PDB file of N, CA and C in Angstrom:
ATOM      1  N   UNK A   1       8.394  -9.874  20.501  1.00  0.00           N
ATOM      2  CA  UNK A   1       8.049  -9.569  21.525  1.00  0.00           C
ATOM      3  C   UNK A   1       7.128  -9.568  22.645  1.00  0.00           C
ATOM      4  N   UNK A   2       6.929  -9.656  23.375  1.00  0.00           N
ATOM      5  CA  UNK A   2       5.934  -9.928  24.262  1.00  0.00           C
ATOM      6  C   UNK A   2       5.354  -8.282  24.764  1.00  0.00           C
ATOM      7  N   UNK A   3       4.275  -9.010  24.797  1.00  0.00           N
ATOM      8  CA  UNK A   3       3.351  -7.024  25.552  1.00  0.00           C
ATOM      9  C   UNK A   3       1.762  -7.368  26.285  1.00  0.00           C
ATOM     10  N   UNK A   4       1.802  -7.152  27.282  1.00  0.00           N
ATOM     11  CA  UNK A   4       0.578  -7.671  27.581  1.00  0.00           C
ATOM     12  C   UNK A   4      -1.094  -6.004  27.019  1.00  0.00           C
ATOM     13  N   UNK A   5      -2.069  -6.450  26.179  1.00  0.00           N
ATOM     14  CA  UNK A   5      -2.388  -5.712  25.923  1.00  0.00           C
ATOM     15  C   UNK A   5      -4.367  -5.792  26.167  1.00  0.00           C
ATOM     16  N   UNK A   6      -4.823  -4.721  26.725  1.00  0.00           N
ATOM     17  CA  UNK A   6      -6.784  -5.054  27.526  1.00  0.00           C
ATOM     18  C   UNK A   6      -7.183  -4.616  26.043  1.00  0.00           C
ATOM     19  N   UNK A   7      -7.535  -5.695  25.820  1.00  0.00           N
ATOM     20  CA  UNK A   7      -7.763  -5.426  23.776  1.00  0.00           C
ATOM     21  C   UNK A   7      -9.819  -5.592  24.393  1.00  0.00           C
ATOM     22  N   UNK A   8     -10.562  -5.272  23.163  1.00  0.00           N
ATOM     23  CA  UNK A   8     -12.006  -4.879  23.051  1.00  0.00           C
ATOM     24  C   UNK A   8     -12.331  -6.410  22.570  1.00  0.00           C
ATOM     25  N   UNK A   9     -13.194  -7.176  23.466  1.00  0.00           N
ATOM     26  CA  UNK A   9     -13.420  -8.504  22.999  1.00  0.00           C
ATOM     27  C   UNK A   9     -14.702  -8.403  22.308  1.00  0.00           C
ATOM     28  N   UNK A  10     -15.450  -7.142  22.395  1.00  0.00           N
ATOM     29  CA  UNK A  10     -16.239  -7.466  21.192  1.00  0.00           C
ATOM     30  C   UNK A  10     -15.629  -6.785  19.376  1.00  0.00           C
ATOM     31  N   UNK A  11     -14.528  -5.948  19.798  1.00  0.00           N
ATOM     32  CA  UNK A  11     -14.342  -6.123  18.749  1.00  0.00           C
ATOM     33  C   UNK A  11     -13.094  -7.262  18.517  1.00  0.00           C
ATOM     34  N   UNK A  12     -12.424  -7.731  18.922  1.00  0.00           N
ATOM     35  CA  UNK A  12     -11.277  -8.863  18.765  1.00  0.00           C
ATOM     36  C   UNK A  12     -12.218 -10.089  18.079  1.00  0.00           C
ATOM     37  N   UNK A  13     -13.932 -10.382  18.962  1.00  0.00           N
ATOM     38  CA  UNK A  13     -14.673 -11.502  17.459  1.00  0.00           C
ATOM     39  C   UNK A  13     -15.019 -11.356  15.901  1.00  0.00           C
ATOM     40  N   UNK A  14     -15.056 -10.068  16.939  1.00  0.00           N
ATOM     41  CA  UNK A  14     -15.782  -9.731  15.288  1.00  0.00           C
ATOM     42  C   UNK A  14     -14.514  -9.314  14.449  1.00  0.00           C
ATOM     43  N   UNK A  15     -13.410  -8.860  14.910  1.00  0.00           N
ATOM     44  CA  UNK A  15     -12.031  -9.285  13.862  1.00  0.00           C
ATOM     45  C   UNK A  15     -11.963 -10.586  12.832  1.00  0.00           C
ATOM     46  N   UNK A  16     -12.111 -12.148  14.639  1.00  0.00           N
ATOM     47  CA  UNK A  16     -11.713 -13.484  14.677  1.00  0.00           C
ATOM     48  C   UNK A  16     -12.952 -13.803  13.273  1.00  0.00           C
ATOM     49  N   UNK A  17     -13.996 -13.121  13.589  1.00  0.00           N
ATOM     50  CA  UNK A  17     -15.345 -13.797  12.935  1.00  0.00           C
ATOM     51  C   UNK A  17     -14.928 -14.024  11.032  1.00  0.00           C
ATOM     52  N   UNK A  18     -14.598 -12.188  10.732  1.00  0.00           N
ATOM     53  CA  UNK A  18     -14.611 -11.571   9.857  1.00  0.00           C
ATOM     54  C   UNK A  18     -13.782 -11.635   8.853  1.00  0.00           C
ATOM     55  N   UNK A  19     -12.057 -12.458   9.826  1.00  0.00           N
ATOM     56  CA  UNK A  19     -10.408 -12.349   8.972  1.00  0.00           C
ATOM     57  C   UNK A  19     -10.882 -14.410   8.702  1.00  0.00           C
ATOM     58  N   UNK A  20     -11.380 -14.828   9.833  1.00  0.00           N
ATOM     59  CA  UNK A  20     -11.451 -16.203   9.515  1.00  0.00           C
ATOM     60  C   UNK A  20      -9.697 -16.543  10.340  1.00  0.00           C
ATOM     61  N   UNK A  21      -9.220 -15.232  11.080  1.00  0.00           N
ATOM     62  CA  UNK A  21      -8.023 -15.893  12.488  1.00  0.00           C
ATOM     63  C   UNK A  21      -8.474 -16.466  13.390  1.00  0.00           C
ATOM     64  N   UNK A  22      -7.863 -17.437  13.636  1.00  0.00           N
ATOM     65  CA  UNK A  22      -7.896 -18.568  14.960  1.00  0.00           C
ATOM     66  C   UNK A  22      -7.498 -17.437  16.095  1.00  0.00           C
ATOM     67  N   UNK A  23      -6.550 -16.838  15.840  1.00  0.00           N
ATOM     68  CA  UNK A  23      -5.677 -16.635  17.710  1.00  0.00           C
ATOM     69  C   UNK A  23      -5.440 -15.378  17.490  1.00  0.00           C
ATOM     70  N   UNK A  24      -5.490 -15.063  18.458  1.00  0.00           N
ATOM     71  CA  UNK A  24      -5.640 -13.212  18.280  1.00  0.00           C
ATOM     72  C   UNK A  24      -3.716 -12.911  18.410  1.00  0.00           C
ATOM     73  N   UNK A  25      -2.600 -13.717  18.346  1.00  0.00           N
ATOM     74  CA  UNK A  25      -1.601 -13.226  17.750  1.00  0.00           C
ATOM     75  C   UNK A  25      -1.863 -12.617  16.659  1.00  0.00           C
ATOM     76  N   UNK A  26      -2.181 -13.718  15.602  1.00  0.00           N
ATOM     77  CA  UNK A  26      -2.128 -13.237  14.212  1.00  0.00           C
ATOM     78  C   UNK A  26      -2.817 -12.521  13.970  1.00  0.00           C
ATOM     79  N   UNK A  27      -4.372 -12.591  14.628  1.00  0.00           N
ATOM     80  CA  UNK A  27      -5.124 -11.725  14.895  1.00  0.00           C
ATOM     81  C   UNK A  27      -3.964  -9.624  14.447  1.00  0.00           C
ATOM     82  N   UNK A  28      -4.350  -9.804  15.868  1.00  0.00           N
ATOM     83  CA  UNK A  28      -2.699  -8.162  15.852  1.00  0.00           C
ATOM     84  C   UNK A  28      -1.808  -7.646  14.729  1.00  0.00           C
ATOM     85  N   UNK A  29      -1.431  -9.750  14.888  1.00  0.00           N
ATOM     86  CA  UNK A  29      -0.474  -9.539  14.028  1.00  0.00           C
ATOM     87  C   UNK A  29      -0.921  -8.619  11.454  1.00  0.00           C
ATOM     88  N   UNK A  30      -1.863  -9.540  12.564  1.00  0.00           N
ATOM     89  CA  UNK A  30      -2.654  -9.461  10.340  1.00  0.00           C
ATOM     90  C   UNK A  30      -2.488  -7.736  10.663  1.00  0.00           C
ATOM     91  N   UNK A  31      -3.664  -7.373  11.611  1.00  0.00           N
ATOM     92  CA  UNK A  31      -4.142  -5.825  12.293  1.00  0.00           C
ATOM     93  C   UNK A  31      -2.939  -4.878  11.504  1.00  0.00           C
ATOM     94  N   UNK A  32      -1.442  -4.763  12.339  1.00  0.00           N
ATOM     95  CA  UNK A  32      -0.372  -4.755  12.111  1.00  0.00           C
ATOM     96  C   UNK A  32      -0.045  -4.321  11.236  1.00  0.00           C
ATOM     97  N   UNK A  33       0.075  -5.445   9.652  1.00  0.00           N
ATOM     98  CA  UNK A  33       0.522  -5.464   8.574  1.00  0.00           C
ATOM     99  C   UNK A  33      -0.112  -4.416   7.843  1.00  0.00           C
ATOM    100  N   UNK A  34      -1.863  -4.499   8.311  1.00  0.00           N
ATOM    101  CA  UNK A  34      -2.715  -4.117   7.951  1.00  0.00           C
ATOM    102  C   UNK A  34      -2.625  -2.071   7.358  1.00  0.00           C
ATOM    103  N   UNK A  35      -2.519  -1.811   8.575  1.00  0.00           N
ATOM    104  CA  UNK A  35      -1.868  -0.696   8.914  1.00  0.00           C
ATOM    105  C   UNK A  35      -0.986  -0.370   8.272  1.00  0.00           C
ATOM    106  N   UNK A  36       0.285  -0.391   8.378  1.00  0.00           N
ATOM    107  CA  UNK A  36       1.563  -0.279   7.967  1.00  0.00           C
ATOM    108  C   UNK A  36       0.911  -0.245   6.744  1.00  0.00           C
ATOM    109  N   UNK A  37       0.672  -1.113   4.902  1.00  0.00           N
ATOM    110  CA  UNK A  37       0.414  -1.056   4.099  1.00  0.00           C
ATOM    111  C   UNK A  37      -0.289  -0.025   3.711  1.00  0.00           C
ATOM    112  N   UNK A  38      -1.535   1.184   4.872  1.00  0.00           N
ATOM    113  CA  UNK A  38      -2.596   1.593   4.395  1.00  0.00           C
ATOM    114  C   UNK A  38      -1.895   3.103   4.449  1.00  0.00           C
ATOM    115  N   UNK A  39      -1.058   3.403   5.438  1.00  0.00           N
ATOM    116  CA  UNK A  39      -0.406   4.608   5.910  1.00  0.00           C
ATOM    117  C   UNK A  39       0.780   4.286   4.800  1.00  0.00           C
ATOM    118  N   UNK A  40       1.493   3.440   4.236  1.00  0.00           N
ATOM    119  CA  UNK A  40       2.617   3.063   2.821  1.00  0.00           C
ATOM    120  C   UNK A  40       1.904   4.026   1.678  1.00  0.00           C
ATOM    121  N   UNK A  41      -0.099   3.293   1.999  1.00  0.00           N
ATOM    122  CA  UNK A  41       0.026   4.369   0.521  1.00  0.00           C
ATOM    123  C   UNK A  41      -0.613   5.527   0.715  1.00  0.00           C
ATOM    124  N   UNK A  42      -1.512   5.464   2.096  1.00  0.00           N
ATOM    125  CA  UNK A  42      -1.367   8.075   1.866  1.00  0.00           C
ATOM    126  C   UNK A  42      -0.240   8.307   2.061  1.00  0.00           C
ATOM    127  N   UNK A  43       1.109   7.494   1.936  1.00  0.00           N
ATOM    128  CA  UNK A  43       1.996   8.176   2.218  1.00  0.00           C
ATOM    129  C   UNK A  43       2.014   8.496   0.557  1.00  0.00           C
ATOM    130  N   UNK A  44       2.547   7.907   0.011  1.00  0.00           N
ATOM    131  CA  UNK A  44       2.194   7.594  -1.808  1.00  0.00           C
ATOM    132  C   UNK A  44       1.850   8.217  -1.950  1.00  0.00           C
ATOM    133  N   UNK A  45       0.510   8.760  -1.806  1.00  0.00           N
ATOM    134  CA  UNK A  45      -0.854   9.196  -2.100  1.00  0.00           C
ATOM    135  C   UNK A  45      -0.213  10.979  -2.502  1.00  0.00           C
ATOM    136  N   UNK A  46       0.216  11.209  -1.690  1.00  0.00           N
ATOM    137  CA  UNK A  46       0.459  12.453  -0.640  1.00  0.00           C
ATOM    138  C   UNK A  46       1.110  12.784  -1.228  1.00  0.00           C
ATOM    139  N   UNK A  47       2.570  12.314  -2.043  1.00  0.00           N
ATOM    140  CA  UNK A  47       3.536  12.439  -2.454  1.00  0.00           C
ATOM    141  C   UNK A  47       3.277  13.110  -3.539  1.00  0.00           C
ATOM    142  N   UNK A  48       2.237  11.857  -4.177  1.00  0.00           N
ATOM    143  CA  UNK A  48       1.721  11.915  -5.641  1.00  0.00           C
ATOM    144  C   UNK A  48       1.338  12.909  -5.866  1.00  0.00           C
ATOM    145  N   UNK A  49       0.049  13.487  -4.597  1.00  0.00           N
ATOM    146  CA  UNK A  49      -1.057  14.278  -5.108  1.00  0.00           C
ATOM    147  C   UNK A  49      -0.514  16.171  -4.636  1.00  0.00           C
ATOM    148  N   UNK A  50       1.381  15.892  -4.438  1.00  0.00           N
ATOM    149  CA  UNK A  50       2.056  16.512  -3.746  1.00  0.00           C
ATOM    150  C   UNK A  50       3.003  17.775  -5.184  1.00  0.00           C
ATOM    151  N   UNK A  51       3.123  18.710  -5.518  1.00  0.00           N
ATOM    152  CA  UNK A  51       4.186  18.863  -6.005  1.00  0.00           C
ATOM    153  C   UNK A  51       5.958  18.691  -6.038  1.00  0.00           C
ATOM    154  N   UNK A  52       5.975  17.688  -5.960  1.00  0.00           N
ATOM    155  CA  UNK A  52       7.371  17.254  -5.762  1.00  0.00           C
ATOM    156  C   UNK A  52       7.004  16.591  -7.079  1.00  0.00           C
ATOM    157  N   UNK A  53       6.338  15.546  -7.222  1.00  0.00           N
ATOM    158  CA  UNK A  53       6.252  14.794  -8.113  1.00  0.00           C
ATOM    159  C   UNK A  53       5.160  15.375  -9.199  1.00  0.00           C
ATOM    160  N   UNK A  54       6.100  16.215 -11.080  1.00  0.00           N
ATOM    161  CA  UNK A  54       5.451  16.355 -12.278  1.00  0.00           C
ATOM    162  C   UNK A  54       5.619  15.367 -13.127  1.00  0.00           C
ATOM    163  N   UNK A  55       4.551  15.427 -13.625  1.00  0.00           N
ATOM    164  CA  UNK A  55       4.716  14.400 -14.916  1.00  0.00           C
ATOM    165  C   UNK A  55       1.922  14.149 -15.417  1.00  0.00           C
ATOM    166  N   UNK A  56       2.488  13.811 -16.444  1.00  0.00           N
ATOM    167  CA  UNK A  56       1.294  13.632 -16.995  1.00  0.00           C
ATOM    168  C   UNK A  56       1.647  12.374 -17.658  1.00  0.00           C
ATOM    169  N   UNK A  57       0.666  11.215 -16.320  1.00  0.00           N
ATOM    170  CA  UNK A  57       0.751  10.206 -16.022  1.00  0.00           C
ATOM    171  C   UNK A  57       0.379   9.650 -17.261  1.00  0.00           C
ATOM    172  N   UNK A  58      -1.388   9.582 -17.807  1.00  0.00           N
ATOM    173  CA  UNK A  58      -2.304   9.362 -18.656  1.00  0.00           C
ATOM    174  C   UNK A  58      -1.269   9.321 -19.970  1.00  0.00           C
ATOM    175  N   UNK A  59      -0.130  10.309 -20.197  1.00  0.00           N
ATOM    176  CA  UNK A  59       0.970  10.403 -21.856  1.00  0.00           C
ATOM    177  C   UNK A  59       1.538   9.726 -21.706  1.00  0.00           C
ATOM    178  N   UNK A  60       2.051   9.347 -19.918  1.00  0.00           N
ATOM    179  CA  UNK A  60       3.195   8.430 -19.775  1.00  0.00           C
ATOM    180  C   UNK A  60       2.216   7.139 -20.028  1.00  0.00           C
ATOM    181  N   UNK A  61       1.556   6.273 -20.552  1.00  0.00           N
ATOM    182  CA  UNK A  61       0.790   5.247 -20.321  1.00  0.00           C
ATOM    183  C   UNK A  61       0.409   5.164 -21.476  1.00  0.00           C
ATOM    184  N   UNK A  62       0.695   6.075 -22.388  1.00  0.00           N
ATOM    185  CA  UNK A  62       0.119   5.718 -24.037  1.00  0.00           C
ATOM    186  C   UNK A  62       1.834   4.881 -24.361  1.00  0.00           C
ATOM    187  N   UNK A  63       0.762   4.594 -25.329  1.00  0.00           N
ATOM    188  CA  UNK A  63       2.254   3.503 -25.999  1.00  0.00           C
ATOM    189  C   UNK A  63       2.967   4.711 -26.451  1.00  0.00           C
ATOM    190  N   UNK A  64       3.569   5.451 -27.480  1.00  0.00           N
ATOM    191  CA  UNK A  64       3.562   6.538 -28.079  1.00  0.00           C
ATOM    192  C   UNK A  64       4.707   7.147 -27.430  1.00  0.00           C
ATOM    193  N   UNK A  65       4.715   7.287 -26.737  1.00  0.00           N
ATOM    194  CA  UNK A  65       5.788   7.862 -25.084  1.00  0.00           C
ATOM    195  C   UNK A  65       6.547   6.778 -24.905  1.00  0.00           C
ATOM    196  N   UNK A  66       5.817   6.186 -24.310  1.00  0.00           N
ATOM    197  CA  UNK A  66       6.956   4.704 -23.938  1.00  0.00           C
ATOM    198  C   UNK A  66       8.034   4.451 -25.184  1.00  0.00           C
ATOM    199  N   UNK A  67       7.510   4.607 -26.102  1.00  0.00           N
ATOM    200  CA  UNK A  67       7.879   3.955 -27.999  1.00  0.00           C
ATOM    201  C   UNK A  67       9.191   4.991 -27.574  1.00  0.00           C
ATOM    202  N   UNK A  68       8.782   6.765 -27.811  1.00  0.00           N
ATOM    203  CA  UNK A  68       9.207   7.550 -27.620  1.00  0.00           C
ATOM    204  C   UNK A  68      10.972   7.505 -26.359  1.00  0.00           C
ATOM    205  N   UNK A  69      10.581   6.659 -25.262  1.00  0.00           N
ATOM    206  CA  UNK A  69      11.238   6.453 -24.029  1.00  0.00           C
ATOM    207  C   UNK A  69      12.162   6.038 -24.274  1.00  0.00           C
ATOM    208  N   UNK A  70      11.975   4.693 -24.806  1.00  0.00           N
ATOM    209  CA  UNK A  70      13.155   3.758 -25.348  1.00  0.00           C
ATOM    210  C   UNK A  70      14.198   4.643 -26.845  1.00  0.00           C
ATOM    211  N   UNK A  71      13.431   5.185 -27.011  1.00  0.00           N
ATOM    212  CA  UNK A  71      14.359   5.599 -28.297  1.00  0.00           C
ATOM    213  C   UNK A  71      15.846   6.641 -28.073  1.00  0.00           C
ATOM    214  N   UNK A  72      14.735   7.238 -26.760  1.00  0.00           N
ATOM    215  CA  UNK A  72      15.911   8.547 -26.034  1.00  0.00           C
ATOM    216  C   UNK A  72      17.122   7.586 -25.825  1.00  0.00           C
ATOM    217  N   UNK A  73      16.756   6.015 -24.591  1.00  0.00           N
ATOM    218  CA  UNK A  73      17.076   5.523 -24.301  1.00  0.00           C
ATOM    219  C   UNK A  73      18.088   4.536 -24.986  1.00  0.00           C
ATOM    220  N   UNK A  74      18.192   3.604 -26.063  1.00  0.00           N
ATOM    221  CA  UNK A  74      17.825   3.325 -26.956  1.00  0.00           C
ATOM    222  C   UNK A  74      18.435   3.715 -28.476  1.00  0.00           C
ATOM    223  N   UNK A  75      19.348   4.913 -28.704  1.00  0.00           N
ATOM    224  CA  UNK A  75      19.103   5.884 -29.843  1.00  0.00           C
ATOM    225  C   UNK A  75      18.381   4.439 -31.710  1.00  0.00           C
ATOM    226  N   UNK A  76      19.127   3.679 -31.216  1.00  0.00           N
ATOM    227  CA  UNK A  76      19.459   2.794 -32.495  1.00  0.00           C
ATOM    228  C   UNK A  76      17.880   1.723 -32.566  1.00  0.00           C
ATOM    229  N   UNK A  77      17.741   1.329 -31.606  1.00  0.00           N
ATOM    230  CA  UNK A  77      15.950   1.064 -31.366  1.00  0.00           C
ATOM    231  C   UNK A  77      15.027   1.035 -32.606  1.00  0.00           C
TER     232      UNK A  77
END
């Protein structure tokens, strides 16, 4: 998609220095990718901090809990 955008020269220069990205197009694409990742993570955190998800993550990570979960699925195991 072609578009014309007026960018802050100082921000572009600093971002190019930090990221070692040499073109404005690549820099903007990278910035958009990072924005999407960041907002996706925020959405997941909001979901896990809400009352929608119920569970004890520490307990789920224990070996005995995983073994019991496997036994429920595979009783002859």
